[in-house]
Amino acid sequence: MIHNINETFDNQYKKVAPSDNDILIYIKDANILINCDNNTITYPTVGEAASVHEYLFSIGEKSYFSGLIEENEKFSFHNIRELRNLSPKTAVFAGICAYHISSWYEGNRCCGKCGSPMKHSKTERAMICTCGNIIYPKICPAVIVAVKNNDKILMTKYNTGYAHWALVAGYNEVGETIEETVHREVYEETGLKVKNLKYYKSQPWGLSSSLLFGFVCDIDGDDTIRIDNVELKEGRWFHRNDISFNNDDFSLTREMIDAFKNNRL
């Protein structure tokens, strides 16, 4: 998956002075400024920046900062979701994490309690207000669910957004355990009941400020799919021999589908 990189990722908040050779990531709305030659990402350096804003994190020996640099012949804006098809993996992961943090900063410039401008904390990754309100980075827990029916797995398609076959997914609600989220989301989206829940693994998903929890479970009773057409447009049981696409080494969803296809799930 995209976060499985060889270098050490250190997201601890700390005061780091930028040097000219550090990496500069400029996010504007849902776009990121990169050089993309032969599908390979190169970021500008701090030395090329018009201004440097915040220390973000480090990967290996490199520190990454947010900042501003003008679009030019070397660097241009690409939608953040285009990173899925680019390399190297470390650069893709860095861009998505930077997008997660930058989106949170952008969405919390003013206090939601009193409306005053927020300030960056000097001791932790937080936005603080004179009224006492403190806002920490937004991380939304969500589930990805592989529902099995013997040698078949349930896959669905969304009405909008991601256009390919995927697993049932949804966000945790207030007062729910993550296991209760699995039961609710599967039933709401497909009308199916499940049992024998087993935790698979998790994945940070900065594209939606989420932390994904992967679960595997079995159908419980009737396997008739009744799609909730508000979010989904289609749902179908796939035999493992009929799954034609492979793991793209990017998402938890694809890894879980691939594991089922190859009888590892």
C-alpha atoms as a PDB file:
ATOM      1  CA  MET A   1       0.000   0.000   0.000  1.00  0.00           C
ATOM      2  CA  ILE A   2       1.028   3.576  -0.524  1.00  0.00           C
ATOM      3  CA  HIS A   3       2.251   4.144   3.044  1.00  0.00           C
ATOM      4  CA  ASN A   4       4.566   1.123   2.930  1.00  0.00           C
ATOM      5  CA  ILE A   5       7.764   2.947   2.078  1.00  0.00           C
ATOM      6  CA  ASN A   6      11.362   1.961   2.770  1.00  0.00           C
ATOM      7  CA  GLU A   7      12.365   5.208   4.463  1.00  0.00           C
ATOM      8  CA  THR A   8      11.397   6.201   7.996  1.00  0.00           C
ATOM      9  CA  PHE A   9       8.390   8.520   8.129  1.00  0.00           C
ATOM     10  CA  ASP A  10       8.521  10.936  11.076  1.00  0.00           C
ATOM     11  CA  ASN A  11       5.426  13.101  11.513  1.00  0.00           C
ATOM     12  CA  GLN A  12       6.258  14.364  15.006  1.00  0.00           C
ATOM     13  CA  TYR A  13       5.645  18.085  15.284  1.00  0.00           C
ATOM     14  CA  LYS A  14       8.842  19.998  15.973  1.00  0.00           C
ATOM     15  CA  LYS A  15      10.607  23.213  15.198  1.00  0.00           C
ATOM     16  CA  VAL A  16      12.838  22.628  12.188  1.00  0.00           C
ATOM     17  CA  ALA A  17      14.684  25.372  10.352  1.00  0.00           C
ATOM     18  CA  PRO A  18      14.413  24.880   6.585  1.00  0.00           C
ATOM     19  CA  SER A  19      17.528  24.461   4.482  1.00  0.00           C
ATOM     20  CA  ASP A  20      17.749  25.118   0.756  1.00  0.00           C
ATOM     21  CA  ASN A  21      17.874  21.411  -0.105  1.00  0.00           C
ATOM     22  CA  ASP A  22      14.750  20.457   1.858  1.00  0.00           C
ATOM     23  CA  ILE A  23      11.549  19.607  -0.025  1.00  0.00           C
ATOM     24  CA  LEU A  24       8.862  22.214  -0.661  1.00  0.00           C
ATOM     25  CA  ILE A  25       5.267  21.078  -1.256  1.00  0.00           C
ATOM     26  CA  TYR A  26       2.764  23.620  -2.512  1.00  0.00           C
ATOM     27  CA  ILE A  27      -0.902  22.639  -2.288  1.00  0.00           C
ATOM     28  CA  LYS A  28      -3.573  24.842  -3.859  1.00  0.00           C
ATOM     29  CA  ASP A  29      -7.135  23.599  -3.384  1.00  0.00           C
ATOM     30  CA  ALA A  30      -6.998  19.982  -4.615  1.00  0.00           C
ATOM     31  CA  ASN A  31      -3.865  20.515  -6.707  1.00  0.00           C
ATOM     32  CA  ILE A  32      -0.195  19.954  -6.019  1.00  0.00           C
ATOM     33  CA  LEU A  33       2.776  21.597  -7.751  1.00  0.00           C
ATOM     34  CA  ILE A  34       5.194  19.009  -9.140  1.00  0.00           C
ATOM     35  CA  ASN A  35       7.495  18.189 -11.996  1.00  0.00           C
ATOM     36  CA  CYS A  36       6.160  15.058 -13.680  1.00  0.00           C
ATOM     37  CA  ASP A  37       8.634  13.663 -16.190  1.00  0.00           C
ATOM     38  CA  ASN A  38       8.001  10.092 -17.379  1.00  0.00           C
ATOM     39  CA  ASN A  39       5.422   9.716 -14.584  1.00  0.00           C
ATOM     40  CA  THR A  40       8.125  10.399 -12.001  1.00  0.00           C
ATOM     41  CA  ILE A  41       7.520  13.071  -9.352  1.00  0.00           C
ATOM     42  CA  THR A  42      10.045  15.729  -8.474  1.00  0.00           C
ATOM     43  CA  TYR A  43       9.228  18.421  -5.927  1.00  0.00           C
ATOM     44  CA  PRO A  44      10.775  21.889  -5.759  1.00  0.00           C
ATOM     45  CA  THR A  45      13.287  22.575  -3.039  1.00  0.00           C
ATOM     46  CA  VAL A  46      13.032  25.175  -0.308  1.00  0.00           C
ATOM     47  CA  GLY A  47      15.731  27.122  -2.116  1.00  0.00           C
ATOM     48  CA  GLU A  48      13.401  27.576  -5.094  1.00  0.00           C
ATOM     49  CA  ALA A  49      10.442  28.751  -3.014  1.00  0.00           C
ATOM     50  CA  ALA A  50       8.960  32.239  -2.888  1.00  0.00           C
ATOM     51  CA  SER A  51       8.098  31.628   0.780  1.00  0.00           C
ATOM     52  CA  VAL A  52       8.202  28.768   3.313  1.00  0.00           C
ATOM     53  CA  HIS A  53       5.269  28.253   5.684  1.00  0.00           C
ATOM     54  CA  GLU A  54       5.221  25.160   7.914  1.00  0.00           C
ATOM     55  CA  TYR A  55       7.367  22.141   8.692  1.00  0.00           C
ATOM     56  CA  LEU A  56       5.288  19.112   7.732  1.00  0.00           C
ATOM     57  CA  PHE A  57       7.290  15.935   8.426  1.00  0.00           C
ATOM     58  CA  SER A  58      10.486  14.144   7.486  1.00  0.00           C
ATOM     59  CA  ILE A  59      11.062  11.045   5.379  1.00  0.00           C
ATOM     60  CA  GLY A  60      14.488   9.539   5.724  1.00  0.00           C
ATOM     61  CA  GLU A  61      17.019  12.367   5.798  1.00  0.00           C
ATOM     62  CA  LYS A  62      14.758  14.888   4.054  1.00  0.00           C
ATOM     63  CA  SER A  63      12.513  17.434   5.749  1.00  0.00           C
ATOM     64  CA  TYR A  64       9.316  18.549   3.996  1.00  0.00           C
ATOM     65  CA  PHE A  65       7.787  22.019   4.273  1.00  0.00           C
ATOM     66  CA  SER A  66       4.677  23.717   2.969  1.00  0.00           C
ATOM     67  CA  GLY A  67       5.173  26.944   1.095  1.00  0.00           C
ATOM     68  CA  LEU A  68       4.608  28.989  -2.020  1.00  0.00           C
ATOM     69  CA  ILE A  69       6.297  28.762  -5.398  1.00  0.00           C
ATOM     70  CA  GLU A  70       5.054  30.109  -8.702  1.00  0.00           C
ATOM     71  CA  GLU A  71       4.034  27.722 -11.468  1.00  0.00           C
ATOM     72  CA  ASN A  72       6.741  27.749 -14.135  1.00  0.00           C
ATOM     73  CA  GLU A  73       8.211  25.752 -17.013  1.00  0.00           C
ATOM     74  CA  LYS A  74       9.594  23.174 -14.592  1.00  0.00           C
ATOM     75  CA  PHE A  75       6.715  22.785 -12.146  1.00  0.00           C
ATOM     76  CA  SER A  76       2.990  22.686 -12.816  1.00  0.00           C
ATOM     77  CA  PHE A  77      -0.198  21.857 -10.913  1.00  0.00           C
ATOM     78  CA  HIS A  78      -1.691  18.378 -11.003  1.00  0.00           C
ATOM     79  CA  ASN A  79      -4.818  17.164  -9.263  1.00  0.00           C
ATOM     80  CA  ILE A  80      -3.867  15.375  -6.060  1.00  0.00           C
ATOM     81  CA  ARG A  81      -5.596  12.181  -7.229  1.00  0.00           C
ATOM     82  CA  GLU A  82      -3.254  11.952 -10.217  1.00  0.00           C
ATOM     83  CA  LEU A  83      -0.515  10.912  -7.795  1.00  0.00           C
ATOM     84  CA  ARG A  84      -2.064   7.439  -7.731  1.00  0.00           C
ATOM     85  CA  ASN A  85      -0.536   6.717 -11.132  1.00  0.00           C
ATOM     86  CA  LEU A  86       2.884   8.241 -10.482  1.00  0.00           C
ATOM     87  CA  SER A  87       6.126   7.243  -8.758  1.00  0.00           C
ATOM     88  CA  PRO A  88       8.261   6.886  -6.694  1.00  0.00           C
ATOM     89  CA  LYS A  89       6.075   5.675  -3.849  1.00  0.00           C
ATOM     90  CA  THR A  90       7.841   7.863  -1.264  1.00  0.00           C
ATOM     91  CA  ALA A  91       7.044  11.016  -3.246  1.00  0.00           C
ATOM     92  CA  VAL A  92       3.416   9.958  -3.716  1.00  0.00           C
ATOM     93  CA  PHE A  93       2.993   9.257   0.000  1.00  0.00           C
ATOM     94  CA  ALA A  94       4.630  12.583   0.872  1.00  0.00           C
ATOM     95  CA  GLY A  95       2.289  14.485  -1.423  1.00  0.00           C
ATOM     96  CA  ILE A  96      -0.828  12.835  -0.003  1.00  0.00           C
ATOM     97  CA  CYS A  97       0.278  13.439   3.600  1.00  0.00           C
ATOM     98  CA  ALA A  98       1.075  17.057   2.779  1.00  0.00           C
ATOM     99  CA  TYR A  99      -2.373  17.416   1.229  1.00  0.00           C
ATOM    100  CA  HIS A 100      -3.977  16.003   4.383  1.00  0.00           C
ATOM    101  CA  ILE A 101      -2.163  18.481   6.628  1.00  0.00           C
ATOM    102  CA  SER A 102      -2.539  21.462   4.293  1.00  0.00           C
ATOM    103  CA  SER A 103      -6.272  20.851   3.865  1.00  0.00           C
ATOM    104  CA  TRP A 104      -6.673  20.816   7.631  1.00  0.00           C
ATOM    105  CA  TYR A 105      -4.729  24.088   8.016  1.00  0.00           C
ATOM    106  CA  GLU A 106      -6.779  25.693   5.246  1.00  0.00           C
ATOM    107  CA  GLY A 107     -10.060  24.600   6.801  1.00  0.00           C
ATOM    108  CA  ASN A 108      -9.226  25.982  10.229  1.00  0.00           C
ATOM    109  CA  ARG A 109      -8.035  29.513   9.595  1.00  0.00           C
ATOM    110  CA  CYS A 110     -10.891  30.831  11.728  1.00  0.00           C
ATOM    111  CA  CYS A 111     -12.278  29.523  14.985  1.00  0.00           C
ATOM    112  CA  GLY A 112     -15.509  27.574  14.635  1.00  0.00           C
ATOM    113  CA  LYS A 113     -16.505  28.641  18.162  1.00  0.00           C
ATOM    114  CA  CYS A 114     -16.049  32.415  18.124  1.00  0.00           C
ATOM    115  CA  GLY A 115     -14.970  33.224  14.557  1.00  0.00           C
ATOM    116  CA  SER A 116     -11.601  34.745  15.461  1.00  0.00           C
ATOM    117  CA  PRO A 117      -8.456  33.993  13.424  1.00  0.00           C
ATOM    118  CA  MET A 118      -6.702  30.837  14.592  1.00  0.00           C
ATOM    119  CA  LYS A 119      -2.979  30.693  15.308  1.00  0.00           C
ATOM    120  CA  HIS A 120      -0.512  27.864  14.955  1.00  0.00           C
ATOM    121  CA  SER A 121       0.501  26.279  18.228  1.00  0.00           C
ATOM    122  CA  LYS A 122       4.213  26.579  18.990  1.00  0.00           C
ATOM    123  CA  THR A 123       4.359  23.269  20.856  1.00  0.00           C
ATOM    124  CA  GLU A 124       2.183  20.782  18.927  1.00  0.00           C
ATOM    125  CA  ARG A 125       0.330  20.201  15.664  1.00  0.00           C
ATOM    126  CA  ALA A 126      -2.732  22.232  16.587  1.00  0.00           C
ATOM    127  CA  MET A 127      -4.568  25.446  15.797  1.00  0.00           C
ATOM    128  CA  ILE A 128      -5.409  27.577  18.826  1.00  0.00           C
ATOM    129  CA  CYS A 129      -7.726  30.505  19.508  1.00  0.00           C
ATOM    130  CA  THR A 130      -7.698  33.210  22.173  1.00  0.00           C
ATOM    131  CA  CYS A 131     -11.095  31.897  23.316  1.00  0.00           C
ATOM    132  CA  GLY A 132      -9.412  28.663  24.377  1.00  0.00           C
ATOM    133  CA  ASN A 133     -10.562  26.521  21.447  1.00  0.00           C
ATOM    134  CA  ILE A 134      -7.928  24.028  20.251  1.00  0.00           C
ATOM    135  CA  ILE A 135      -8.280  22.119  16.985  1.00  0.00           C
ATOM    136  CA  TYR A 136      -6.145  19.074  16.182  1.00  0.00           C
ATOM    137  CA  PRO A 137      -5.668  17.498  12.733  1.00  0.00           C
ATOM    138  CA  LYS A 138      -8.806  15.981  11.263  1.00  0.00           C
ATOM    139  CA  ILE A 139      -8.691  12.180  11.059  1.00  0.00           C
ATOM    140  CA  CYS A 140     -11.948  10.403  10.181  1.00  0.00           C
ATOM    141  CA  PRO A 141     -12.202   6.681  11.063  1.00  0.00           C
ATOM    142  CA  ALA A 142     -13.788   4.578   8.322  1.00  0.00           C
ATOM    143  CA  VAL A 143     -14.178   0.924   7.394  1.00  0.00           C
ATOM    144  CA  ILE A 144     -13.393  -1.088   4.264  1.00  0.00           C
ATOM    145  CA  VAL A 145     -15.325  -4.376   4.308  1.00  0.00           C
ATOM    146  CA  ALA A 146     -14.713  -7.569   2.354  1.00  0.00           C
ATOM    147  CA  VAL A 147     -17.996  -9.484   2.578  1.00  0.00           C
ATOM    148  CA  LYS A 148     -17.480 -13.135   1.625  1.00  0.00           C
ATOM    149  CA  ASN A 149     -20.011 -15.679   0.418  1.00  0.00           C
ATOM    150  CA  ASN A 150     -17.931 -18.875   0.108  1.00  0.00           C
ATOM    151  CA  ASP A 151     -15.885 -18.336  -3.085  1.00  0.00           C
ATOM    152  CA  LYS A 152     -17.575 -15.025  -3.886  1.00  0.00           C
ATOM    153  CA  ILE A 153     -16.930 -11.505  -2.634  1.00  0.00           C
ATOM    154  CA  LEU A 154     -19.258  -8.502  -2.625  1.00  0.00           C
ATOM    155  CA  MET A 155     -18.170  -5.508  -4.692  1.00  0.00           C
ATOM    156  CA  THR A 156     -19.976  -2.253  -5.381  1.00  0.00           C
ATOM    157  CA  LYS A 157     -19.743   0.854  -7.536  1.00  0.00           C
ATOM    158  CA  TYR A 158     -20.362   4.409  -6.366  1.00  0.00           C
ATOM    159  CA  ASN A 159     -22.797   6.785  -8.037  1.00  0.00           C
ATOM    160  CA  THR A 160     -20.066   9.434  -8.240  1.00  0.00           C
ATOM    161  CA  GLY A 161     -16.339   9.672  -7.672  1.00  0.00           C
ATOM    162  CA  TYR A 162     -14.281   6.466  -7.832  1.00  0.00           C
ATOM    163  CA  ALA A 163     -15.510   4.692 -10.960  1.00  0.00           C
ATOM    164  CA  HIS A 164     -14.173   1.169 -10.418  1.00  0.00           C
ATOM    165  CA  TRP A 165     -15.423  -1.825  -8.472  1.00  0.00           C
ATOM    166  CA  ALA A 166     -14.657  -1.480  -4.766  1.00  0.00           C
ATOM    167  CA  LEU A 167     -15.551  -2.950  -1.391  1.00  0.00           C
ATOM    168  CA  VAL A 168     -18.275  -1.656   0.910  1.00  0.00           C
ATOM    169  CA  ALA A 169     -16.950   1.350   2.834  1.00  0.00           C
ATOM    170  CA  GLY A 170     -18.216   4.007   5.193  1.00  0.00           C
ATOM    171  CA  TYR A 171     -17.465   6.349   8.071  1.00  0.00           C
ATOM    172  CA  ASN A 172     -17.739   5.614  11.757  1.00  0.00           C
ATOM    173  CA  GLU A 173     -20.537   7.512  13.518  1.00  0.00           C
ATOM    174  CA  VAL A 174     -20.647   9.041  17.007  1.00  0.00           C
ATOM    175  CA  GLY A 175     -21.083   6.411  19.712  1.00  0.00           C
ATOM    176  CA  GLU A 176     -20.301   3.441  17.472  1.00  0.00           C
ATOM    177  CA  THR A 177     -17.591   0.850  17.835  1.00  0.00           C
ATOM    178  CA  ILE A 178     -15.728   0.253  14.586  1.00  0.00           C
ATOM    179  CA  GLU A 179     -17.298  -3.237  14.458  1.00  0.00           C
ATOM    180  CA  GLU A 180     -20.774  -1.709  14.686  1.00  0.00           C
ATOM    181  CA  THR A 181     -19.831   0.524  11.764  1.00  0.00           C
ATOM    182  CA  VAL A 182     -19.130  -2.590   9.681  1.00  0.00           C
ATOM    183  CA  HIS A 183     -22.571  -4.064  10.375  1.00  0.00           C
ATOM    184  CA  ARG A 184     -24.387  -0.763   9.778  1.00  0.00           C
ATOM    185  CA  GLU A 185     -22.598   0.231   6.580  1.00  0.00           C
ATOM    186  CA  VAL A 186     -22.987  -3.172   4.958  1.00  0.00           C
ATOM    187  CA  TYR A 187     -26.685  -3.279   5.808  1.00  0.00           C
ATOM    188  CA  GLU A 188     -27.364   0.339   4.789  1.00  0.00           C
ATOM    189  CA  GLU A 189     -25.603   0.029   1.449  1.00  0.00           C
ATOM    190  CA  THR A 190     -26.546  -3.515   0.419  1.00  0.00           C
ATOM    191  CA  GLY A 191     -29.301  -4.815   2.737  1.00  0.00           C
ATOM    192  CA  LEU A 192     -27.038  -7.695   3.830  1.00  0.00           C
ATOM    193  CA  LYS A 193     -26.272  -8.969   7.307  1.00  0.00           C
ATOM    194  CA  VAL A 194     -22.781 -10.193   8.187  1.00  0.00           C
ATOM    195  CA  LYS A 195     -21.030 -12.280  10.839  1.00  0.00           C
ATOM    196  CA  ASN A 196     -17.570 -13.550  11.835  1.00  0.00           C
ATOM    197  CA  LEU A 197     -15.858 -10.164  11.629  1.00  0.00           C
ATOM    198  CA  LYS A 198     -12.064 -10.325  11.427  1.00  0.00           C
ATOM    199  CA  TYR A 199      -9.776  -7.308  11.447  1.00  0.00           C
ATOM    200  CA  TYR A 200      -7.387  -7.252   8.463  1.00  0.00           C
ATOM    201  CA  LYS A 201      -5.220  -4.101   8.705  1.00  0.00           C
ATOM    202  CA  SER A 202      -5.435  -0.312   8.558  1.00  0.00           C
ATOM    203  CA  GLN A 203      -4.326   2.410   6.160  1.00  0.00           C
ATOM    204  CA  PRO A 204      -3.972   6.178   6.466  1.00  0.00           C
ATOM    205  CA  TRP A 205      -5.904   7.776   3.600  1.00  0.00           C
ATOM    206  CA  GLY A 206      -5.015  11.431   3.370  1.00  0.00           C
ATOM    207  CA  LEU A 207      -7.101  12.026   0.244  1.00  0.00           C
ATOM    208  CA  SER A 208     -10.178  12.107   2.495  1.00  0.00           C
ATOM    209  CA  SER A 209      -8.455  12.801   5.840  1.00  0.00           C
ATOM    210  CA  SER A 210      -9.328   9.253   6.895  1.00  0.00           C
ATOM    211  CA  LEU A 211      -7.920   6.278   8.739  1.00  0.00           C
ATOM    212  CA  LEU A 212      -9.270   3.124   7.108  1.00  0.00           C
ATOM    213  CA  PHE A 213      -9.918  -0.090   9.040  1.00  0.00           C
ATOM    214  CA  GLY A 214     -10.097  -3.196   6.874  1.00  0.00           C
ATOM    215  CA  PHE A 215     -12.431  -6.010   7.948  1.00  0.00           C
ATOM    216  CA  VAL A 216     -13.276  -9.414   6.510  1.00  0.00           C
ATOM    217  CA  CYS A 217     -16.636 -11.033   7.300  1.00  0.00           C
ATOM    218  CA  ASP A 218     -19.087 -13.671   6.101  1.00  0.00           C
ATOM    219  CA  ILE A 219     -22.608 -13.267   4.783  1.00  0.00           C
ATOM    220  CA  ASP A 220     -25.210 -14.018   7.436  1.00  0.00           C
ATOM    221  CA  GLY A 221     -28.369 -15.447   5.880  1.00  0.00           C
ATOM    222  CA  ASP A 222     -29.962 -14.214   2.639  1.00  0.00           C
ATOM    223  CA  ASP A 223     -27.418 -13.088   0.023  1.00  0.00           C
ATOM    224  CA  THR A 224     -29.846 -10.996  -2.045  1.00  0.00           C
ATOM    225  CA  ILE A 225     -28.256  -7.582  -2.645  1.00  0.00           C
ATOM    226  CA  ARG A 226     -30.532  -4.559  -2.214  1.00  0.00           C
ATOM    227  CA  ILE A 227     -28.509  -1.519  -3.218  1.00  0.00           C
ATOM    228  CA  ASP A 228     -28.964   1.842  -1.535  1.00  0.00           C
ATOM    229  CA  ASN A 229     -29.045   4.017  -4.654  1.00  0.00           C
ATOM    230  CA  VAL A 230     -28.215   7.190  -2.728  1.00  0.00           C
ATOM    231  CA  GLU A 231     -24.494   6.320  -2.592  1.00  0.00           C
ATOM    232  CA  LEU A 232     -24.173   3.288  -4.859  1.00  0.00           C
ATOM    233  CA  LYS A 233     -25.299   2.438  -8.365  1.00  0.00           C
ATOM    234  CA  GLU A 234     -24.443  -1.253  -8.477  1.00  0.00           C
ATOM    235  CA  GLY A 235     -23.550  -4.247  -6.321  1.00  0.00           C
ATOM    236  CA  ARG A 236     -22.548  -7.750  -7.359  1.00  0.00           C
ATOM    237  CA  TRP A 237     -21.097 -11.027  -6.080  1.00  0.00           C
ATOM    238  CA  PHE A 238     -17.807 -11.854  -7.812  1.00  0.00           C
ATOM    239  CA  HIS A 239     -16.340 -15.358  -7.839  1.00  0.00           C
ATOM    240  CA  ARG A 240     -12.619 -15.203  -7.082  1.00  0.00           C
ATOM    241  CA  ASN A 241     -11.855 -16.635 -10.561  1.00  0.00           C
ATOM    242  CA  ASP A 242     -13.798 -13.798 -12.227  1.00  0.00           C
ATOM    243  CA  ILE A 243     -11.809 -10.937 -10.680  1.00  0.00           C
ATOM    244  CA  SER A 244      -9.741  -9.504 -13.549  1.00  0.00           C
ATOM    245  CA  PHE A 245      -7.770  -6.669 -11.950  1.00  0.00           C
ATOM    246  CA  ASN A 246      -4.726  -6.936  -9.704  1.00  0.00           C
ATOM    247  CA  ASN A 247      -3.409  -5.112  -6.663  1.00  0.00           C
ATOM    248  CA  ASP A 248      -2.102  -1.680  -7.655  1.00  0.00           C
ATOM    249  CA  ASP A 249       0.019  -1.409  -4.473  1.00  0.00           C
ATOM    250  CA  PHE A 250      -1.829   1.775  -3.548  1.00  0.00           C
ATOM    251  CA  SER A 251      -5.000   1.129  -1.604  1.00  0.00           C
ATOM    252  CA  LEU A 252      -6.260  -1.151   1.140  1.00  0.00           C
ATOM    253  CA  THR A 253      -9.290  -1.913  -1.030  1.00  0.00           C
ATOM    254  CA  ARG A 254      -7.216  -3.263  -3.903  1.00  0.00           C
ATOM    255  CA  GLU A 255      -4.972  -5.278  -1.584  1.00  0.00           C
ATOM    256  CA  MET A 256      -7.957  -6.955   0.065  1.00  0.00           C
ATOM    257  CA  ILE A 257      -9.605  -7.771  -3.277  1.00  0.00           C
ATOM    258  CA  ASP A 258      -6.319  -9.185  -4.545  1.00  0.00           C
ATOM    259  CA  ALA A 259      -5.910 -11.275  -1.387  1.00  0.00           C
ATOM    260  CA  PHE A 260      -9.380 -12.769  -1.910  1.00  0.00           C
ATOM    261  CA  LYS A 261      -8.707 -13.372  -5.609  1.00  0.00           C
ATOM    262  CA  ASN A 262      -5.572 -15.351  -4.722  1.00  0.00           C
ATOM    263  CA  ASN A 263      -7.271 -17.296  -1.898  1.00  0.00           C
ATOM    264  CA  ARG A 264      -5.395 -15.485   0.867  1.00  0.00           C
ATOM    265  CA  LEU A 265      -8.479 -13.926   2.460  1.00  0.00           C
END
